[in-house]
Amino acid sequence: MPIKAMFLIADVRIPVKRKKTLRLAKVEAIAEDILENGQTTPIQVREGKTGGWVLIEGYHRLEALRALGESSVEGYEVRARLH
């Protein structure tokens, strides 16, 4: 079962392929929603090989919180599956 916790935004690494999917309009819309309602959906991260965290899900939420000047994000620590 995933463990819900607070993570420092600075400690969350975004994989290179994910960075290409960023849509600024979506980040702005999510930031506005977060201002009105707070963060309602946690992100998902896994532990990185060299420390810190690697983003699994929630890139736009993470960037919206970063744009709002937040230093932490609510999320779930999940275990990565080996294929």
PDB file of N, CA and C in Angstrom:
ATOM      1  N   MET A   1       0.839  -1.180   0.000  1.00  0.00           N
ATOM      2  CA  MET A   1       0.000   0.000   0.000  1.00  0.00           C
ATOM      3  C   MET A   1       0.886   1.246   0.000  1.00  0.00           C
ATOM      4  N   PRO A   2       0.561   2.221  -0.835  1.00  0.00           N
ATOM      5  CA  PRO A   2       1.377   3.434  -0.892  1.00  0.00           C
ATOM      6  C   PRO A   2       1.352   4.197   0.426  1.00  0.00           C
ATOM      7  N   ILE A   3       2.448   4.870   0.713  1.00  0.00           N
ATOM      8  CA  ILE A   3       2.581   5.650   1.938  1.00  0.00           C
ATOM      9  C   ILE A   3       2.422   7.128   1.592  1.00  0.00           C
ATOM     10  N   LYS A   4       1.437   7.794   2.202  1.00  0.00           N
ATOM     11  CA  LYS A   4       1.188   9.205   1.952  1.00  0.00           C
ATOM     12  C   LYS A   4       2.106  10.033   2.848  1.00  0.00           C
ATOM     13  N   ALA A   5       2.758  11.057   2.263  1.00  0.00           N
ATOM     14  CA  ALA A   5       3.688  11.890   3.017  1.00  0.00           C
ATOM     15  C   ALA A   5       3.848  13.236   2.323  1.00  0.00           C
ATOM     16  N   MET A   6       4.594  14.118   2.966  1.00  0.00           N
ATOM     17  CA  MET A   6       4.961  15.399   2.372  1.00  0.00           C
ATOM     18  C   MET A   6       6.383  15.267   1.837  1.00  0.00           C
ATOM     19  N   PHE A   7       6.619  15.788   0.634  1.00  0.00           N
ATOM     20  CA  PHE A   7       7.932  15.716  -0.009  1.00  0.00           C
ATOM     21  C   PHE A   7       8.382  17.129  -0.369  1.00  0.00           C
ATOM     22  N   LEU A   8       9.669  17.398  -0.212  1.00  0.00           N
ATOM     23  CA  LEU A   8      10.206  18.678  -0.647  1.00  0.00           C
ATOM     24  C   LEU A   8      10.222  18.705  -2.168  1.00  0.00           C
ATOM     25  N   ILE A   9       9.685  19.761  -2.743  1.00  0.00           N
ATOM     26  CA  ILE A   9       9.631  19.874  -4.196  1.00  0.00           C
ATOM     27  C   ILE A   9      11.034  19.825  -4.790  1.00  0.00           C
ATOM     28  N   ALA A  10      11.996  20.428  -4.106  1.00  0.00           N
ATOM     29  CA  ALA A  10      13.377  20.450  -4.592  1.00  0.00           C
ATOM     30  C   ALA A  10      13.998  19.055  -4.653  1.00  0.00           C
ATOM     31  N   ASP A  11      13.454  18.107  -3.896  1.00  0.00           N
ATOM     32  CA  ASP A  11      13.992  16.742  -3.874  1.00  0.00           C
ATOM     33  C   ASP A  11      13.358  15.828  -4.916  1.00  0.00           C
ATOM     34  N   VAL A  12      12.371  16.325  -5.663  1.00  0.00           N
ATOM     35  CA  VAL A  12      11.669  15.503  -6.651  1.00  0.00           C
ATOM     36  C   VAL A  12      12.281  15.753  -8.027  1.00  0.00           C
ATOM     37  N   ARG A  13      12.808  14.683  -8.622  1.00  0.00           N
ATOM     38  CA  ARG A  13      13.415  14.767  -9.954  1.00  0.00           C
ATOM     39  C   ARG A  13      12.388  14.349 -11.002  1.00  0.00           C
ATOM     40  N   ILE A  14      12.340  15.105 -12.092  1.00  0.00           N
ATOM     41  CA  ILE A  14      11.417  14.794 -13.186  1.00  0.00           C
ATOM     42  C   ILE A  14      12.209  14.110 -14.295  1.00  0.00           C
ATOM     43  N   PRO A  15      11.818  12.910 -14.721  1.00  0.00           N
ATOM     44  CA  PRO A  15      12.510  12.240 -15.819  1.00  0.00           C
ATOM     45  C   PRO A  15      12.495  13.094 -17.091  1.00  0.00           C
ATOM     46  N   VAL A  16      13.555  13.011 -17.871  1.00  0.00           N
ATOM     47  CA  VAL A  16      13.723  13.832 -19.073  1.00  0.00           C
ATOM     48  C   VAL A  16      12.544  13.690 -20.030  1.00  0.00           C
ATOM     49  N   LYS A  17      12.074  12.474 -20.257  1.00  0.00           N
ATOM     50  CA  LYS A  17      10.946  12.277 -21.182  1.00  0.00           C
ATOM     51  C   LYS A  17       9.690  12.990 -20.707  1.00  0.00           C
ATOM     52  N   ARG A  18       9.484  13.058 -19.390  1.00  0.00           N
ATOM     53  CA  ARG A  18       8.307  13.730 -18.839  1.00  0.00           C
ATOM     54  C   ARG A  18       8.373  15.230 -19.039  1.00  0.00           C
ATOM     55  N   LYS A  19       9.577  15.803 -18.995  1.00  0.00           N
ATOM     56  CA  LYS A  19       9.728  17.249 -19.129  1.00  0.00           C
ATOM     57  C   LYS A  19       9.180  17.754 -20.462  1.00  0.00           C
ATOM     58  N   LYS A  20       9.194  16.906 -21.468  1.00  0.00           N
ATOM     59  CA  LYS A  20       8.714  17.288 -22.793  1.00  0.00           C
ATOM     60  C   LYS A  20       7.191  17.392 -22.859  1.00  0.00           C
ATOM     61  N   THR A  21       6.486  16.899 -21.843  1.00  0.00           N
ATOM     62  CA  THR A  21       5.027  16.863 -21.874  1.00  0.00           C
ATOM     63  C   THR A  21       4.381  18.045 -21.155  1.00  0.00           C
ATOM     64  N   LEU A  22       5.181  18.966 -20.641  1.00  0.00           N
ATOM     65  CA  LEU A  22       4.647  20.082 -19.859  1.00  0.00           C
ATOM     66  C   LEU A  22       3.817  21.033 -20.728  1.00  0.00           C
ATOM     67  N   ARG A  23       2.600  21.337 -20.257  1.00  0.00           N
ATOM     68  CA  ARG A  23       1.712  22.298 -20.927  1.00  0.00           C
ATOM     69  C   ARG A  23       1.440  23.433 -19.937  1.00  0.00           C
ATOM     70  N   LEU A  24       1.939  24.619 -20.253  1.00  0.00           N
ATOM     71  CA  LEU A  24       1.851  25.752 -19.338  1.00  0.00           C
ATOM     72  C   LEU A  24       0.409  26.152 -19.026  1.00  0.00           C
ATOM     73  N   ALA A  25      -0.481  26.056 -19.990  1.00  0.00           N
ATOM     74  CA  ALA A  25      -1.885  26.398 -19.746  1.00  0.00           C
ATOM     75  C   ALA A  25      -2.493  25.478 -18.686  1.00  0.00           C
ATOM     76  N   LYS A  26      -2.116  24.221 -18.731  1.00  0.00           N
ATOM     77  CA  LYS A  26      -2.619  23.262 -17.743  1.00  0.00           C
ATOM     78  C   LYS A  26      -2.048  23.569 -16.360  1.00  0.00           C
ATOM     79  N   VAL A  27      -0.772  23.948 -16.301  1.00  0.00           N
ATOM     80  CA  VAL A  27      -0.146  24.309 -15.030  1.00  0.00           C
ATOM     81  C   VAL A  27      -0.869  25.509 -14.426  1.00  0.00           C
ATOM     82  N   GLU A  28      -1.173  26.520 -15.243  1.00  0.00           N
ATOM     83  CA  GLU A  28      -1.872  27.710 -14.754  1.00  0.00           C
ATOM     84  C   GLU A  28      -3.262  27.367 -14.225  1.00  0.00           C
ATOM     85  N   ALA A  29      -3.981  26.518 -14.943  1.00  0.00           N
ATOM     86  CA  ALA A  29      -5.328  26.126 -14.517  1.00  0.00           C
ATOM     87  C   ALA A  29      -5.273  25.360 -13.190  1.00  0.00           C
ATOM     88  N   ILE A  30      -4.309  24.471 -13.053  1.00  0.00           N
ATOM     89  CA  ILE A  30      -4.171  23.703 -11.808  1.00  0.00           C
ATOM     90  C   ILE A  30      -3.759  24.627 -10.669  1.00  0.00           C
ATOM     91  N   ALA A  31      -2.872  25.581 -10.941  1.00  0.00           N
ATOM     92  CA  ALA A  31      -2.447  26.526  -9.904  1.00  0.00           C
ATOM     93  C   ALA A  31      -3.648  27.325  -9.385  1.00  0.00           C
ATOM     94  N   GLU A  32      -4.510  27.766 -10.287  1.00  0.00           N
ATOM     95  CA  GLU A  32      -5.710  28.495  -9.872  1.00  0.00           C
ATOM     96  C   GLU A  32      -6.610  27.618  -9.012  1.00  0.00           C
ATOM     97  N   ASP A  33      -6.766  26.362  -9.401  1.00  0.00           N
ATOM     98  CA  ASP A  33      -7.588  25.435  -8.629  1.00  0.00           C
ATOM     99  C   ASP A  33      -6.977  25.188  -7.250  1.00  0.00           C
ATOM    100  N   ILE A  34      -5.666  25.067  -7.179  1.00  0.00           N
ATOM    101  CA  ILE A  34      -5.002  24.846  -5.899  1.00  0.00           C
ATOM    102  C   ILE A  34      -5.199  26.054  -4.985  1.00  0.00           C
ATOM    103  N   LEU A  35      -5.154  27.257  -5.550  1.00  0.00           N
ATOM    104  CA  LEU A  35      -5.399  28.456  -4.745  1.00  0.00           C
ATOM    105  C   LEU A  35      -6.797  28.452  -4.137  1.00  0.00           C
ATOM    106  N   GLU A  36      -7.770  27.974  -4.900  1.00  0.00           N
ATOM    107  CA  GLU A  36      -9.156  27.955  -4.433  1.00  0.00           C
ATOM    108  C   GLU A  36      -9.459  26.777  -3.509  1.00  0.00           C
ATOM    109  N   ASN A  37      -8.927  25.601  -3.837  1.00  0.00           N
ATOM    110  CA  ASN A  37      -9.318  24.373  -3.133  1.00  0.00           C
ATOM    111  C   ASN A  37      -8.199  23.645  -2.407  1.00  0.00           C
ATOM    112  N   GLY A  38      -6.972  24.096  -2.559  1.00  0.00           N
ATOM    113  CA  GLY A  38      -5.841  23.361  -1.996  1.00  0.00           C
ATOM    114  C   GLY A  38      -5.485  22.191  -2.898  1.00  0.00           C
ATOM    115  N   GLN A  39      -4.425  21.494  -2.547  1.00  0.00           N
ATOM    116  CA  GLN A  39      -4.018  20.317  -3.329  1.00  0.00           C
ATOM    117  C   GLN A  39      -4.941  19.163  -2.968  1.00  0.00           C
ATOM    118  N   THR A  40      -5.746  18.723  -3.906  1.00  0.00           N
ATOM    119  CA  THR A  40      -6.717  17.664  -3.630  1.00  0.00           C
ATOM    120  C   THR A  40      -6.235  16.289  -4.062  1.00  0.00           C
ATOM    121  N   THR A  41      -5.298  16.241  -5.010  1.00  0.00           N
ATOM    122  CA  THR A  41      -4.805  14.963  -5.508  1.00  0.00           C
ATOM    123  C   THR A  41      -3.301  14.883  -5.284  1.00  0.00           C
ATOM    124  N   PRO A  42      -2.837  13.919  -4.486  1.00  0.00           N
ATOM    125  CA  PRO A  42      -1.403  13.778  -4.247  1.00  0.00           C
ATOM    126  C   PRO A  42      -0.663  13.314  -5.506  1.00  0.00           C
ATOM    127  N   ILE A  43       0.622  13.662  -5.583  1.00  0.00           N
ATOM    128  CA  ILE A  43       1.463  13.146  -6.663  1.00  0.00           C
ATOM    129  C   ILE A  43       1.943  11.754  -6.267  1.00  0.00           C
ATOM    130  N   GLN A  44       2.646  11.068  -7.166  1.00  0.00           N
ATOM    131  CA  GLN A  44       3.243   9.768  -6.852  1.00  0.00           C
ATOM    132  C   GLN A  44       4.724   9.832  -7.173  1.00  0.00           C
ATOM    133  N   VAL A  45       5.541   9.368  -6.232  1.00  0.00           N
ATOM    134  CA  VAL A  45       6.991   9.347  -6.409  1.00  0.00           C
ATOM    135  C   VAL A  45       7.530   7.990  -5.990  1.00  0.00           C
ATOM    136  N   ARG A  46       8.723   7.694  -6.488  1.00  0.00           N
ATOM    137  CA  ARG A  46       9.445   6.512  -6.010  1.00  0.00           C
ATOM    138  C   ARG A  46      10.803   6.993  -5.539  1.00  0.00           C
ATOM    139  N   GLU A  47      11.432   6.195  -4.708  1.00  0.00           N
ATOM    140  CA  GLU A  47      12.744   6.552  -4.210  1.00  0.00           C
ATOM    141  C   GLU A  47      13.764   6.478  -5.341  1.00  0.00           C
ATOM    142  N   GLY A  48      14.629   7.499  -5.444  1.00  0.00           N
ATOM    143  CA  GLY A  48      15.661   7.524  -6.466  1.00  0.00           C
ATOM    144  C   GLY A  48      16.835   6.636  -6.092  1.00  0.00           C
ATOM    145  N   LYS A  49      17.592   6.221  -7.075  1.00  0.00           N
ATOM    146  CA  LYS A  49      18.747   5.351  -6.831  1.00  0.00           C
ATOM    147  C   LYS A  49      19.838   6.045  -6.030  1.00  0.00           C
ATOM    148  N   THR A  50      19.969   7.360  -6.221  1.00  0.00           N
ATOM    149  CA  THR A  50      21.029   8.103  -5.533  1.00  0.00           C
ATOM    150  C   THR A  50      20.451   9.069  -4.500  1.00  0.00           C
ATOM    151  N   GLY A  51      19.290   8.758  -3.975  1.00  0.00           N
ATOM    152  CA  GLY A  51      18.631   9.625  -3.012  1.00  0.00           C
ATOM    153  C   GLY A  51      17.579  10.479  -3.677  1.00  0.00           C
ATOM    154  N   GLY A  52      16.815  11.162  -2.874  1.00  0.00           N
ATOM    155  CA  GLY A  52      15.738  11.981  -3.409  1.00  0.00           C
ATOM    156  C   GLY A  52      14.609  11.119  -3.943  1.00  0.00           C
ATOM    157  N   TRP A  53      13.778  11.747  -4.787  1.00  0.00           N
ATOM    158  CA  TRP A  53      12.586  11.081  -5.295  1.00  0.00           C
ATOM    159  C   TRP A  53      12.472  11.281  -6.798  1.00  0.00           C
ATOM    160  N   VAL A  54      11.861  10.320  -7.475  1.00  0.00           N
ATOM    161  CA  VAL A  54      11.624  10.410  -8.920  1.00  0.00           C
ATOM    162  C   VAL A  54      10.115  10.464  -9.122  1.00  0.00           C
ATOM    163  N   LEU A  55       9.671  11.444  -9.888  1.00  0.00           N
ATOM    164  CA  LEU A  55       8.247  11.623 -10.132  1.00  0.00           C
ATOM    165  C   LEU A  55       7.695  10.490 -10.991  1.00  0.00           C
ATOM    166  N   ILE A  56       6.588   9.932 -10.557  1.00  0.00           N
ATOM    167  CA  ILE A  56       5.882   8.899 -11.321  1.00  0.00           C
ATOM    168  C   ILE A  56       4.627   9.509 -11.957  1.00  0.00           C
ATOM    169  N   GLU A  57       3.872  10.268 -11.168  1.00  0.00           N
ATOM    170  CA  GLU A  57       2.604  10.839 -11.625  1.00  0.00           C
ATOM    171  C   GLU A  57       2.380  12.186 -10.952  1.00  0.00           C
ATOM    172  N   GLY A  58       1.912  13.183 -11.724  1.00  0.00           N
ATOM    173  CA  GLY A  58       1.548  14.471 -11.149  1.00  0.00           C
ATOM    174  C   GLY A  58       2.464  15.623 -11.532  1.00  0.00           C
ATOM    175  N   TYR A  59       3.035  15.564 -12.724  1.00  0.00           N
ATOM    176  CA  TYR A  59       3.991  16.584 -13.161  1.00  0.00           C
ATOM    177  C   TYR A  59       3.370  17.981 -13.163  1.00  0.00           C
ATOM    178  N   HIS A  60       2.176  18.122 -13.707  1.00  0.00           N
ATOM    179  CA  HIS A  60       1.541  19.443 -13.780  1.00  0.00           C
ATOM    180  C   HIS A  60       1.173  19.961 -12.386  1.00  0.00           C
ATOM    181  N   ARG A  61       0.741  19.085 -11.496  1.00  0.00           N
ATOM    182  CA  ARG A  61       0.451  19.488 -10.109  1.00  0.00           C
ATOM    183  C   ARG A  61       1.720  19.975  -9.419  1.00  0.00           C
ATOM    184  N   LEU A  62       2.814  19.248  -9.626  1.00  0.00           N
ATOM    185  CA  LEU A  62       4.088  19.622  -9.025  1.00  0.00           C
ATOM    186  C   LEU A  62       4.539  20.993  -9.526  1.00  0.00           C
ATOM    187  N   GLU A  63       4.451  21.219 -10.821  1.00  0.00           N
ATOM    188  CA  GLU A  63       4.872  22.500 -11.392  1.00  0.00           C
ATOM    189  C   GLU A  63       3.945  23.636 -10.975  1.00  0.00           C
ATOM    190  N   ALA A  64       2.659  23.351 -10.786  1.00  0.00           N
ATOM    191  CA  ALA A  64       1.725  24.368 -10.310  1.00  0.00           C
ATOM    192  C   ALA A  64       2.092  24.805  -8.894  1.00  0.00           C
ATOM    193  N   LEU A  65       2.407  23.845  -8.041  1.00  0.00           N
ATOM    194  CA  LEU A  65       2.818  24.177  -6.677  1.00  0.00           C
ATOM    195  C   LEU A  65       4.133  24.943  -6.667  1.00  0.00           C
ATOM    196  N   ARG A  66       5.053  24.554  -7.539  1.00  0.00           N
ATOM    197  CA  ARG A  66       6.336  25.262  -7.655  1.00  0.00           C
ATOM    198  C   ARG A  66       6.085  26.713  -8.088  1.00  0.00           C
ATOM    199  N   ALA A  67       5.177  26.914  -9.056  1.00  0.00           N
ATOM    200  CA  ALA A  67       4.853  28.262  -9.542  1.00  0.00           C
ATOM    201  C   ALA A  67       4.207  29.114  -8.448  1.00  0.00           C
ATOM    202  N   LEU A  68       3.495  28.474  -7.537  1.00  0.00           N
ATOM    203  CA  LEU A  68       2.857  29.192  -6.440  1.00  0.00           C
ATOM    204  C   LEU A  68       3.832  29.478  -5.294  1.00  0.00           C
ATOM    205  N   GLY A  69       5.063  29.009  -5.421  1.00  0.00           N
ATOM    206  CA  GLY A  69       6.072  29.272  -4.399  1.00  0.00           C
ATOM    207  C   GLY A  69       6.068  28.294  -3.238  1.00  0.00           C
ATOM    208  N   GLU A  70       5.375  27.177  -3.401  1.00  0.00           N
ATOM    209  CA  GLU A  70       5.347  26.169  -2.344  1.00  0.00           C
ATOM    210  C   GLU A  70       6.682  25.423  -2.298  1.00  0.00           C
ATOM    211  N   SER A  71       7.045  24.939  -1.129  1.00  0.00           N
ATOM    212  CA  SER A  71       8.301  24.200  -1.000  1.00  0.00           C
ATOM    213  C   SER A  71       8.075  22.701  -0.820  1.00  0.00           C
ATOM    214  N   SER A  72       6.824  22.309  -0.529  1.00  0.00           N
ATOM    215  CA  SER A  72       6.543  20.889  -0.347  1.00  0.00           C
ATOM    216  C   SER A  72       5.257  20.507  -1.065  1.00  0.00           C
ATOM    217  N   VAL A  73       5.112  19.208  -1.287  1.00  0.00           N
ATOM    218  CA  VAL A  73       3.976  18.669  -2.015  1.00  0.00           C
ATOM    219  C   VAL A  73       3.522  17.388  -1.320  1.00  0.00           C
ATOM    220  N   GLU A  74       2.212  17.180  -1.271  1.00  0.00           N
ATOM    221  CA  GLU A  74       1.682  15.948  -0.706  1.00  0.00           C
ATOM    222  C   GLU A  74       1.728  14.870  -1.779  1.00  0.00           C
ATOM    223  N   GLY A  75       2.160  13.687  -1.385  1.00  0.00           N
ATOM    224  CA  GLY A  75       2.257  12.620  -2.377  1.00  0.00           C
ATOM    225  C   GLY A  75       2.297  11.244  -1.753  1.00  0.00           C
ATOM    226  N   TYR A  76       2.285  10.267  -2.631  1.00  0.00           N
ATOM    227  CA  TYR A  76       2.397   8.870  -2.225  1.00  0.00           C
ATOM    228  C   TYR A  76       3.754   8.332  -2.662  1.00  0.00           C
ATOM    229  N   GLU A  77       4.407   7.636  -1.752  1.00  0.00           N
ATOM    230  CA  GLU A  77       5.621   6.905  -2.113  1.00  0.00           C
ATOM    231  C   GLU A  77       5.171   5.537  -2.609  1.00  0.00           C
ATOM    232  N   VAL A  78       5.505   5.233  -3.846  1.00  0.00           N
ATOM    233  CA  VAL A  78       5.118   3.945  -4.429  1.00  0.00           C
ATOM    234  C   VAL A  78       6.363   3.144  -4.760  1.00  0.00           C
ATOM    235  N   ARG A  79       6.206   1.881  -4.862  1.00  0.00           N
ATOM    236  CA  ARG A  79       7.314   1.012  -5.252  1.00  0.00           C
ATOM    237  C   ARG A  79       7.287   0.834  -6.759  1.00  0.00           C
ATOM    238  N   ALA A  80       8.427   1.026  -7.399  1.00  0.00           N
ATOM    239  CA  ALA A  80       8.507   0.841  -8.839  1.00  0.00           C
ATOM    240  C   ALA A  80       8.475  -0.646  -9.163  1.00  0.00           C
ATOM    241  N   ARG A  81       7.769  -0.982 -10.223  1.00  0.00           N
ATOM    242  CA  ARG A  81       7.691  -2.382 -10.642  1.00  0.00           C
ATOM    243  C   ARG A  81       8.820  -2.701 -11.585  1.00  0.00           C
ATOM    244  N   LEU A  82       9.402  -3.858 -11.410  1.00  0.00           N
ATOM    245  CA  LEU A  82      10.440  -4.321 -12.342  1.00  0.00           C
ATOM    246  C   LEU A  82       9.761  -5.115 -13.441  1.00  0.00           C
ATOM    247  N   HIS A  83      10.088  -4.801 -14.683  1.00  0.00           N
ATOM    248  CA  HIS A  83       9.455  -5.487 -15.813  1.00  0.00           C
ATOM    249  C   HIS A  83      10.370  -6.564 -16.330  1.00  0.00           C
TER     250      HIS A  83
END
